[in-house]
Amino acid sequence: MNYSTTAPMPGDPDYPHSQGALPVWSKVYSRPTEQTFVEITEHPEAKARSAYIWVFIAGALSGLINSVTRFILALIELRQTSPELGEMAPGIGGVFGVTGFVAAICSAPVAGVFAVIGFAISVAIVHATARFFGGQGTFDKLAYAFGAITVPVSLLSAFLVPLNTIPYVVYCTLPLLVILGLYVLYLEVTAVKAVYRCGWGEAAAAFFMPSLLIGLLCGLLFLGLMRVAGPAINEILQQMPR
C-alpha cells in the first residue's frame, strides 16, 4: 500500500491558512516567548522571501520618508538664508519641490534593495554562527523570525523621522527607541533559541559574538592604521602654524 508523504500545497483543504504580516508582527511583540517563534516559523509561509519583501517595503518607505524630510528642511533653510532667490525666480521653489520629490521616489527602491542586502548578510552571519554552535535551524526560518522583529521597528522609526525635526521632540522619542531597541535584542535572541533549539547561552553567543568580533577587528585595524600613519600625522600637526 502506498502512502502519500508530500506536504500539503496551497489550495489543498488541509493547507494552513495564511498568517498575514500584521498578525505575525503583533504576535511576536505581544507574546514574546520561544513558543511564539516556533509557531510562526513552522508555518509553510515562513520563508526568507517573505522577510525580504517586508524588509524591502520598510526600507523603501524609510528611504522615501528620510529623503522627503531632508529635502523639505533643506528647502526651508534655503528660503530663510536666500529669500532673494524666490524673488528673482518666482517658480524656482516649485521646480525644486517637484525635482526633490521625484528624486526621493526614485531613490526609495534603491534604499529598499540595500536594506534587503544588509538584512540577508546579517541573518547569514547569525545563521552560520548558530550552526557552528550546533544549532539545527534553517536560514529561512531565522530570516522570517528576524523580519517579523525588525520590520515593525523600522517602520516606526521611519514615521518618527518627521516628528524628530520638531525641537525637543527627539528627547521624548529617544527613550522610547532605546527601550524598544533593548526589547528587540531580547526578541532576536529568543528567536535564535527557538529556531535552532539551543540554550540561552548558545543563542546569545550566536547573536552577539559576530558583532563583538567585527568590532574587535575594526578596532585592531584602526589601531594598526594609527600606528602606521601616526608619525606622518604628528609631523603634519607640528608643521601647522600655532
C-alpha atoms as a PDB file:
ATOM      1  CA  MET A   1       0.000   0.000   0.000  1.00  0.00           C
ATOM      2  CA  ASN A   2       1.381   3.392  -0.963  1.00  0.00           C
ATOM      3  CA  TYR A   3       1.049   6.349   1.340  1.00  0.00           C
ATOM      4  CA  SER A   4       1.487   9.899   0.150  1.00  0.00           C
ATOM      5  CA  THR A   5       4.164  11.756   2.116  1.00  0.00           C
ATOM      6  CA  THR A   6       4.061  15.009   0.205  1.00  0.00           C
ATOM      7  CA  ALA A   7       3.391  18.195   2.146  1.00  0.00           C
ATOM      8  CA  PRO A   8       0.061  19.961   1.551  1.00  0.00           C
ATOM      9  CA  MET A   9       0.208  22.513  -1.219  1.00  0.00           C
ATOM     10  CA  PRO A  10      -1.557  25.897  -1.462  1.00  0.00           C
ATOM     11  CA  GLY A  11      -5.176  25.280  -2.378  1.00  0.00           C
ATOM     12  CA  ASP A  12      -5.394  21.908  -0.614  1.00  0.00           C
ATOM     13  CA  PRO A  13      -8.118  21.619   2.045  1.00  0.00           C
ATOM     14  CA  ASP A  14      -5.579  20.842   4.785  1.00  0.00           C
ATOM     15  CA  TYR A  15      -3.192  23.649   3.824  1.00  0.00           C
ATOM     16  CA  PRO A  16      -2.778  26.122   6.752  1.00  0.00           C
ATOM     17  CA  HIS A  17      -4.417  29.498   6.444  1.00  0.00           C
ATOM     18  CA  SER A  18      -2.166  32.423   5.625  1.00  0.00           C
ATOM     19  CA  GLN A  19      -0.611  34.009   8.691  1.00  0.00           C
ATOM     20  CA  GLY A  20      -0.514  37.542   7.313  1.00  0.00           C
ATOM     21  CA  ALA A  21       2.218  40.034   8.069  1.00  0.00           C
ATOM     22  CA  LEU A  22       0.384  42.161  10.634  1.00  0.00           C
ATOM     23  CA  PRO A  23      -0.891  39.214  12.734  1.00  0.00           C
ATOM     24  CA  VAL A  24       2.622  37.739  12.804  1.00  0.00           C
ATOM     25  CA  TRP A  25       4.209  41.024  13.887  1.00  0.00           C
ATOM     26  CA  SER A  26       1.520  41.520  16.522  1.00  0.00           C
ATOM     27  CA  LYS A  27       2.009  38.012  17.869  1.00  0.00           C
ATOM     28  CA  VAL A  28       5.776  38.473  18.108  1.00  0.00           C
ATOM     29  CA  TYR A  29       5.531  41.683  20.136  1.00  0.00           C
ATOM     30  CA  SER A  30       2.530  40.754  22.270  1.00  0.00           C
ATOM     31  CA  ARG A  31       3.675  37.190  23.055  1.00  0.00           C
ATOM     32  CA  PRO A  32       7.485  37.370  23.277  1.00  0.00           C
ATOM     33  CA  THR A  33       8.071  33.702  24.024  1.00  0.00           C
ATOM     34  CA  GLU A  34      10.035  30.904  22.437  1.00  0.00           C
ATOM     35  CA  GLN A  35       6.802  29.082  21.589  1.00  0.00           C
ATOM     36  CA  THR A  36       5.611  32.078  19.567  1.00  0.00           C
ATOM     37  CA  PHE A  37       8.621  31.877  17.277  1.00  0.00           C
ATOM     38  CA  VAL A  38       8.225  28.115  16.970  1.00  0.00           C
ATOM     39  CA  GLU A  39       4.613  28.605  15.861  1.00  0.00           C
ATOM     40  CA  ILE A  40       5.269  31.289  13.242  1.00  0.00           C
ATOM     41  CA  THR A  41       8.352  29.590  11.784  1.00  0.00           C
ATOM     42  CA  GLU A  42       6.629  26.200  11.431  1.00  0.00           C
ATOM     43  CA  HIS A  43       4.120  27.694   9.011  1.00  0.00           C
ATOM     44  CA  PRO A  44       4.723  26.982   5.294  1.00  0.00           C
ATOM     45  CA  GLU A  45       4.929  30.755   4.662  1.00  0.00           C
ATOM     46  CA  ALA A  46       7.975  31.045   6.920  1.00  0.00           C
ATOM     47  CA  LYS A  47      10.434  31.654   4.090  1.00  0.00           C
ATOM     48  CA  ALA A  48      13.221  34.149   3.595  1.00  0.00           C
ATOM     49  CA  ARG A  49      11.342  35.510   0.585  1.00  0.00           C
ATOM     50  CA  SER A  50       8.533  36.787   2.804  1.00  0.00           C
ATOM     51  CA  ALA A  51      11.042  38.527   5.070  1.00  0.00           C
ATOM     52  CA  TYR A  52      12.803  40.070   2.060  1.00  0.00           C
ATOM     53  CA  ILE A  53       9.510  41.539   0.837  1.00  0.00           C
ATOM     54  CA  TRP A  54       8.818  43.029   4.267  1.00  0.00           C
ATOM     55  CA  VAL A  55      12.333  44.449   4.561  1.00  0.00           C
ATOM     56  CA  PHE A  56      12.229  45.885   1.048  1.00  0.00           C
ATOM     57  CA  ILE A  57       8.931  47.687   1.688  1.00  0.00           C
ATOM     58  CA  ALA A  58      10.141  49.001   5.055  1.00  0.00           C
ATOM     59  CA  GLY A  59      13.494  50.075   3.615  1.00  0.00           C
ATOM     60  CA  ALA A  60      11.918  51.800   0.619  1.00  0.00           C
ATOM     61  CA  LEU A  61       9.363  53.599   2.791  1.00  0.00           C
ATOM     62  CA  SER A  62      12.039  54.615   5.279  1.00  0.00           C
ATOM     63  CA  GLY A  63      14.246  55.923   2.482  1.00  0.00           C
ATOM     64  CA  LEU A  64      11.342  57.868   0.992  1.00  0.00           C
ATOM     65  CA  ILE A  65      10.394  59.488   4.299  1.00  0.00           C
ATOM     66  CA  ASN A  66      14.018  60.360   5.102  1.00  0.00           C
ATOM     67  CA  SER A  67      14.639  61.838   1.652  1.00  0.00           C
ATOM     68  CA  VAL A  68      11.455  63.908   1.639  1.00  0.00           C
ATOM     69  CA  THR A  69      12.089  65.150   5.180  1.00  0.00           C
ATOM     70  CA  ARG A  70      15.689  66.173   4.446  1.00  0.00           C
ATOM     71  CA  PHE A  71      14.624  67.883   1.220  1.00  0.00           C
ATOM     72  CA  ILE A  72      11.871  69.881   2.922  1.00  0.00           C
ATOM     73  CA  LEU A  73      14.273  71.006   5.650  1.00  0.00           C
ATOM     74  CA  ALA A  74      16.867  71.997   3.049  1.00  0.00           C
ATOM     75  CA  LEU A  75      14.262  73.942   1.067  1.00  0.00           C
ATOM     76  CA  ILE A  76      13.092  75.787   4.195  1.00  0.00           C
ATOM     77  CA  GLU A  77      16.679  76.643   5.102  1.00  0.00           C
ATOM     78  CA  LEU A  78      17.349  77.861   1.552  1.00  0.00           C
ATOM     79  CA  ARG A  79      14.335  80.176   1.648  1.00  0.00           C
ATOM     80  CA  GLN A  80      15.411  81.554   5.008  1.00  0.00           C
ATOM     81  CA  THR A  81      19.035  82.159   4.037  1.00  0.00           C
ATOM     82  CA  SER A  82      18.394  83.319   0.438  1.00  0.00           C
ATOM     83  CA  PRO A  83      14.945  84.945   0.231  1.00  0.00           C
ATOM     84  CA  GLU A  84      16.056  86.951  -2.806  1.00  0.00           C
ATOM     85  CA  LEU A  85      16.249  83.711  -4.796  1.00  0.00           C
ATOM     86  CA  GLY A  86      12.473  83.371  -4.803  1.00  0.00           C
ATOM     87  CA  GLU A  87      12.030  86.990  -5.854  1.00  0.00           C
ATOM     88  CA  MET A  88      14.413  86.604  -8.805  1.00  0.00           C
ATOM     89  CA  ALA A  89      12.774  83.379  -9.994  1.00  0.00           C
ATOM     90  CA  PRO A  90       9.232  83.019  -8.595  1.00  0.00           C
ATOM     91  CA  GLY A  91       8.730  79.492  -9.913  1.00  0.00           C
ATOM     92  CA  ILE A  92      12.032  78.095  -8.710  1.00  0.00           C
ATOM     93  CA  GLY A  93      10.528  76.786  -5.464  1.00  0.00           C
ATOM     94  CA  GLY A  94       8.037  74.657  -7.364  1.00  0.00           C
ATOM     95  CA  VAL A  95      10.770  73.329  -9.641  1.00  0.00           C
ATOM     96  CA  PHE A  96      12.931  72.396  -6.660  1.00  0.00           C
ATOM     97  CA  GLY A  97       9.942  70.773  -4.970  1.00  0.00           C
ATOM     98  CA  VAL A  98       8.996  68.605  -7.944  1.00  0.00           C
ATOM     99  CA  THR A  99      12.633  67.676  -8.586  1.00  0.00           C
ATOM    100  CA  GLY A 100      13.233  66.714  -4.977  1.00  0.00           C
ATOM    101  CA  PHE A 101      10.039  64.694  -4.745  1.00  0.00           C
ATOM    102  CA  VAL A 102      10.847  62.772  -7.939  1.00  0.00           C
ATOM    103  CA  ALA A 103      14.393  62.125  -6.702  1.00  0.00           C
ATOM    104  CA  ALA A 104      13.042  60.833  -3.387  1.00  0.00           C
ATOM    105  CA  ILE A 105      10.648  58.450  -5.155  1.00  0.00           C
ATOM    106  CA  CYS A 106      13.384  57.171  -7.465  1.00  0.00           C
ATOM    107  CA  SER A 107      15.843  56.604  -4.607  1.00  0.00           C
ATOM    108  CA  ALA A 108      13.333  54.747  -2.409  1.00  0.00           C
ATOM    109  CA  PRO A 109      13.645  51.381  -4.233  1.00  0.00           C
ATOM    110  CA  VAL A 110      17.432  51.656  -4.030  1.00  0.00           C
ATOM    111  CA  ALA A 111      17.156  52.087  -0.267  1.00  0.00           C
ATOM    112  CA  GLY A 112      14.898  49.029  -0.158  1.00  0.00           C
ATOM    113  CA  VAL A 113      17.410  46.925  -2.096  1.00  0.00           C
ATOM    114  CA  PHE A 114      20.281  47.918   0.204  1.00  0.00           C
ATOM    115  CA  ALA A 115      18.090  47.159   3.221  1.00  0.00           C
ATOM    116  CA  VAL A 116      17.453  43.641   1.904  1.00  0.00           C
ATOM    117  CA  ILE A 117      21.162  43.092   1.214  1.00  0.00           C
ATOM    118  CA  GLY A 118      22.156  44.219   4.708  1.00  0.00           C
ATOM    119  CA  PHE A 119      19.394  42.139   6.274  1.00  0.00           C
ATOM    120  CA  ALA A 120      20.388  38.997   4.348  1.00  0.00           C
ATOM    121  CA  ILE A 121      24.057  39.387   5.302  1.00  0.00           C
ATOM    122  CA  SER A 122      23.284  39.875   8.998  1.00  0.00           C
ATOM    123  CA  VAL A 123      20.949  36.859   9.047  1.00  0.00           C
ATOM    124  CA  ALA A 124      23.535  34.731   7.229  1.00  0.00           C
ATOM    125  CA  ILE A 125      26.205  35.635   9.795  1.00  0.00           C
ATOM    126  CA  VAL A 126      23.974  34.729  12.746  1.00  0.00           C
ATOM    127  CA  HIS A 127      22.857  31.548  10.963  1.00  0.00           C
ATOM    128  CA  ALA A 128      26.443  30.430  10.350  1.00  0.00           C
ATOM    129  CA  THR A 129      27.403  31.163  13.964  1.00  0.00           C
ATOM    130  CA  ALA A 130      24.386  29.295  15.337  1.00  0.00           C
ATOM    131  CA  ARG A 131      25.185  26.302  13.142  1.00  0.00           C
ATOM    132  CA  PHE A 132      28.768  26.453  14.415  1.00  0.00           C
ATOM    133  CA  PHE A 133      27.438  26.069  17.961  1.00  0.00           C
ATOM    134  CA  GLY A 134      25.431  23.008  16.929  1.00  0.00           C
ATOM    135  CA  GLY A 135      22.079  24.588  16.101  1.00  0.00           C
ATOM    136  CA  GLN A 136      19.755  22.706  13.754  1.00  0.00           C
ATOM    137  CA  GLY A 137      17.639  25.562  12.404  1.00  0.00           C
ATOM    138  CA  THR A 138      17.400  26.865   8.856  1.00  0.00           C
ATOM    139  CA  PHE A 139      18.211  30.190   7.232  1.00  0.00           C
ATOM    140  CA  ASP A 140      14.603  30.597   6.018  1.00  0.00           C
ATOM    141  CA  LYS A 141      13.130  30.313   9.497  1.00  0.00           C
ATOM    142  CA  LEU A 142      15.660  32.692  11.049  1.00  0.00           C
ATOM    143  CA  ALA A 143      15.147  35.260   8.284  1.00  0.00           C
ATOM    144  CA  TYR A 144      11.366  35.056   8.737  1.00  0.00           C
ATOM    145  CA  ALA A 145      11.622  35.466  12.508  1.00  0.00           C
ATOM    146  CA  PHE A 146      14.104  38.342  12.273  1.00  0.00           C
ATOM    147  CA  GLY A 147      11.962  40.040   9.635  1.00  0.00           C
ATOM    148  CA  ALA A 148       8.927  39.873  11.914  1.00  0.00           C
ATOM    149  CA  ILE A 149      11.015  41.556  14.634  1.00  0.00           C
ATOM    150  CA  THR A 150      12.926  44.254  12.777  1.00  0.00           C
ATOM    151  CA  VAL A 151      10.421  45.446  10.174  1.00  0.00           C
ATOM    152  CA  PRO A 152       7.857  46.912  12.625  1.00  0.00           C
ATOM    153  CA  VAL A 153      10.653  48.805  14.389  1.00  0.00           C
ATOM    154  CA  SER A 154      11.976  50.091  11.069  1.00  0.00           C
ATOM    155  CA  LEU A 155       8.532  51.355  10.109  1.00  0.00           C
ATOM    156  CA  LEU A 156       8.054  53.030  13.476  1.00  0.00           C
ATOM    157  CA  SER A 157      11.473  54.686  13.264  1.00  0.00           C
ATOM    158  CA  ALA A 158      10.706  55.913   9.748  1.00  0.00           C
ATOM    159  CA  PHE A 159       7.440  57.555  10.802  1.00  0.00           C
ATOM    160  CA  LEU A 160       9.205  59.214  13.752  1.00  0.00           C
ATOM    161  CA  VAL A 161      11.718  60.951  11.474  1.00  0.00           C
ATOM    162  CA  PRO A 162       9.449  63.924  10.645  1.00  0.00           C
ATOM    163  CA  LEU A 163       8.483  64.280  14.310  1.00  0.00           C
ATOM    164  CA  ASN A 164      12.129  64.370  15.375  1.00  0.00           C
ATOM    165  CA  THR A 165      12.616  67.523  13.299  1.00  0.00           C
ATOM    166  CA  ILE A 166      10.395  69.386  15.797  1.00  0.00           C
ATOM    167  CA  PRO A 167      12.532  70.932  18.560  1.00  0.00           C
ATOM    168  CA  TYR A 168      12.758  68.880  21.762  1.00  0.00           C
ATOM    169  CA  VAL A 169      10.541  66.080  20.428  1.00  0.00           C
ATOM    170  CA  VAL A 170      13.616  63.887  19.992  1.00  0.00           C
ATOM    171  CA  TYR A 171      14.060  63.924  23.785  1.00  0.00           C
ATOM    172  CA  CYS A 172      10.685  62.204  24.044  1.00  0.00           C
ATOM    173  CA  THR A 173      11.175  59.679  21.243  1.00  0.00           C
ATOM    174  CA  LEU A 174      14.779  58.753  22.076  1.00  0.00           C
ATOM    175  CA  PRO A 175      13.994  56.954  25.380  1.00  0.00           C
ATOM    176  CA  LEU A 176      11.192  55.089  23.610  1.00  0.00           C
ATOM    177  CA  LEU A 177      13.545  53.920  20.867  1.00  0.00           C
ATOM    178  CA  VAL A 178      16.206  52.880  23.399  1.00  0.00           C
ATOM    179  CA  ILE A 179      13.731  50.765  25.371  1.00  0.00           C
ATOM    180  CA  LEU A 180      12.329  49.332  22.149  1.00  0.00           C
ATOM    181  CA  GLY A 181      15.858  48.543  20.947  1.00  0.00           C
ATOM    182  CA  LEU A 182      16.590  46.538  24.098  1.00  0.00           C
ATOM    183  CA  TYR A 183      13.292  44.698  23.660  1.00  0.00           C
ATOM    184  CA  VAL A 184      14.250  43.897  20.054  1.00  0.00           C
ATOM    185  CA  LEU A 185      17.566  42.412  21.224  1.00  0.00           C
ATOM    186  CA  TYR A 186      15.687  40.137  23.614  1.00  0.00           C
ATOM    187  CA  LEU A 187      13.297  39.083  20.852  1.00  0.00           C
ATOM    188  CA  GLU A 188      16.135  38.311  18.449  1.00  0.00           C
ATOM    189  CA  VAL A 189      17.990  36.160  20.976  1.00  0.00           C
ATOM    190  CA  THR A 190      14.707  34.378  21.748  1.00  0.00           C
ATOM    191  CA  ALA A 191      14.173  33.816  18.030  1.00  0.00           C
ATOM    192  CA  VAL A 192      17.639  32.259  17.670  1.00  0.00           C
ATOM    193  CA  LYS A 193      16.941  29.988  20.627  1.00  0.00           C
ATOM    194  CA  ALA A 194      13.590  28.887  19.177  1.00  0.00           C
ATOM    195  CA  VAL A 195      14.767  28.370  15.600  1.00  0.00           C
ATOM    196  CA  TYR A 196      17.948  26.461  16.447  1.00  0.00           C
ATOM    197  CA  ARG A 197      16.656  24.576  19.511  1.00  0.00           C
ATOM    198  CA  CYS A 198      19.594  25.659  21.651  1.00  0.00           C
ATOM    199  CA  GLY A 199      20.142  27.112  25.102  1.00  0.00           C
ATOM    200  CA  TRP A 200      20.195  30.765  26.093  1.00  0.00           C
ATOM    201  CA  GLY A 201      23.988  30.810  26.215  1.00  0.00           C
ATOM    202  CA  GLU A 202      24.398  29.452  22.698  1.00  0.00           C
ATOM    203  CA  ALA A 203      21.672  31.763  21.366  1.00  0.00           C
ATOM    204  CA  ALA A 204      23.243  34.848  22.941  1.00  0.00           C
ATOM    205  CA  ALA A 205      26.688  33.839  21.702  1.00  0.00           C
ATOM    206  CA  ALA A 206      25.418  33.223  18.170  1.00  0.00           C
ATOM    207  CA  PHE A 207      23.750  36.626  18.114  1.00  0.00           C
ATOM    208  CA  PHE A 208      26.327  38.839  19.854  1.00  0.00           C
ATOM    209  CA  MET A 209      29.644  37.155  19.054  1.00  0.00           C
ATOM    210  CA  PRO A 210      29.799  38.179  15.353  1.00  0.00           C
ATOM    211  CA  SER A 211      29.208  41.835  16.271  1.00  0.00           C
ATOM    212  CA  LEU A 212      31.840  41.680  19.001  1.00  0.00           C
ATOM    213  CA  LEU A 213      34.374  40.042  16.685  1.00  0.00           C
ATOM    214  CA  ILE A 214      33.705  42.545  13.897  1.00  0.00           C
ATOM    215  CA  GLY A 215      34.025  45.418  16.365  1.00  0.00           C
ATOM    216  CA  LEU A 216      37.265  43.961  17.709  1.00  0.00           C
ATOM    217  CA  LEU A 217      38.707  43.549  14.218  1.00  0.00           C
ATOM    218  CA  CYS A 218      37.733  47.107  13.286  1.00  0.00           C
ATOM    219  CA  GLY A 219      39.362  48.369  16.476  1.00  0.00           C
ATOM    220  CA  LEU A 220      42.574  46.462  15.775  1.00  0.00           C
ATOM    221  CA  LEU A 221      42.567  47.712  12.188  1.00  0.00           C
ATOM    222  CA  PHE A 222      42.143  51.293  13.370  1.00  0.00           C
ATOM    223  CA  LEU A 223      44.971  50.930  15.876  1.00  0.00           C
ATOM    224  CA  GLY A 224      47.186  49.431  13.159  1.00  0.00           C
ATOM    225  CA  LEU A 225      46.444  52.293  10.789  1.00  0.00           C
ATOM    226  CA  MET A 226      47.091  54.843  13.516  1.00  0.00           C
ATOM    227  CA  ARG A 227      50.394  53.186  14.325  1.00  0.00           C
ATOM    228  CA  VAL A 228      51.471  53.314  10.688  1.00  0.00           C
ATOM    229  CA  ALA A 229      50.144  56.794   9.940  1.00  0.00           C
ATOM    230  CA  GLY A 230      50.807  58.229  13.398  1.00  0.00           C
ATOM    231  CA  PRO A 231      54.290  59.649  12.687  1.00  0.00           C
ATOM    232  CA  ALA A 232      53.118  61.316   9.468  1.00  0.00           C
ATOM    233  CA  ILE A 233      50.080  62.832  11.197  1.00  0.00           C
ATOM    234  CA  ASN A 234      52.257  64.038  14.062  1.00  0.00           C
ATOM    235  CA  GLU A 235      54.657  65.661  11.616  1.00  0.00           C
ATOM    236  CA  ILE A 236      51.815  67.455   9.822  1.00  0.00           C
ATOM    237  CA  LEU A 237      50.448  68.745  13.118  1.00  0.00           C
ATOM    238  CA  GLN A 238      53.838  70.049  14.153  1.00  0.00           C
ATOM    239  CA  GLN A 239      54.213  71.944  10.865  1.00  0.00           C
ATOM    240  CA  MET A 240      50.860  73.686  11.239  1.00  0.00           C
ATOM    241  CA  PRO A 241      51.123  77.327  12.394  1.00  0.00           C
ATOM    242  CA  ARG A 242      50.243  77.836  16.014  1.00  0.00           C
END
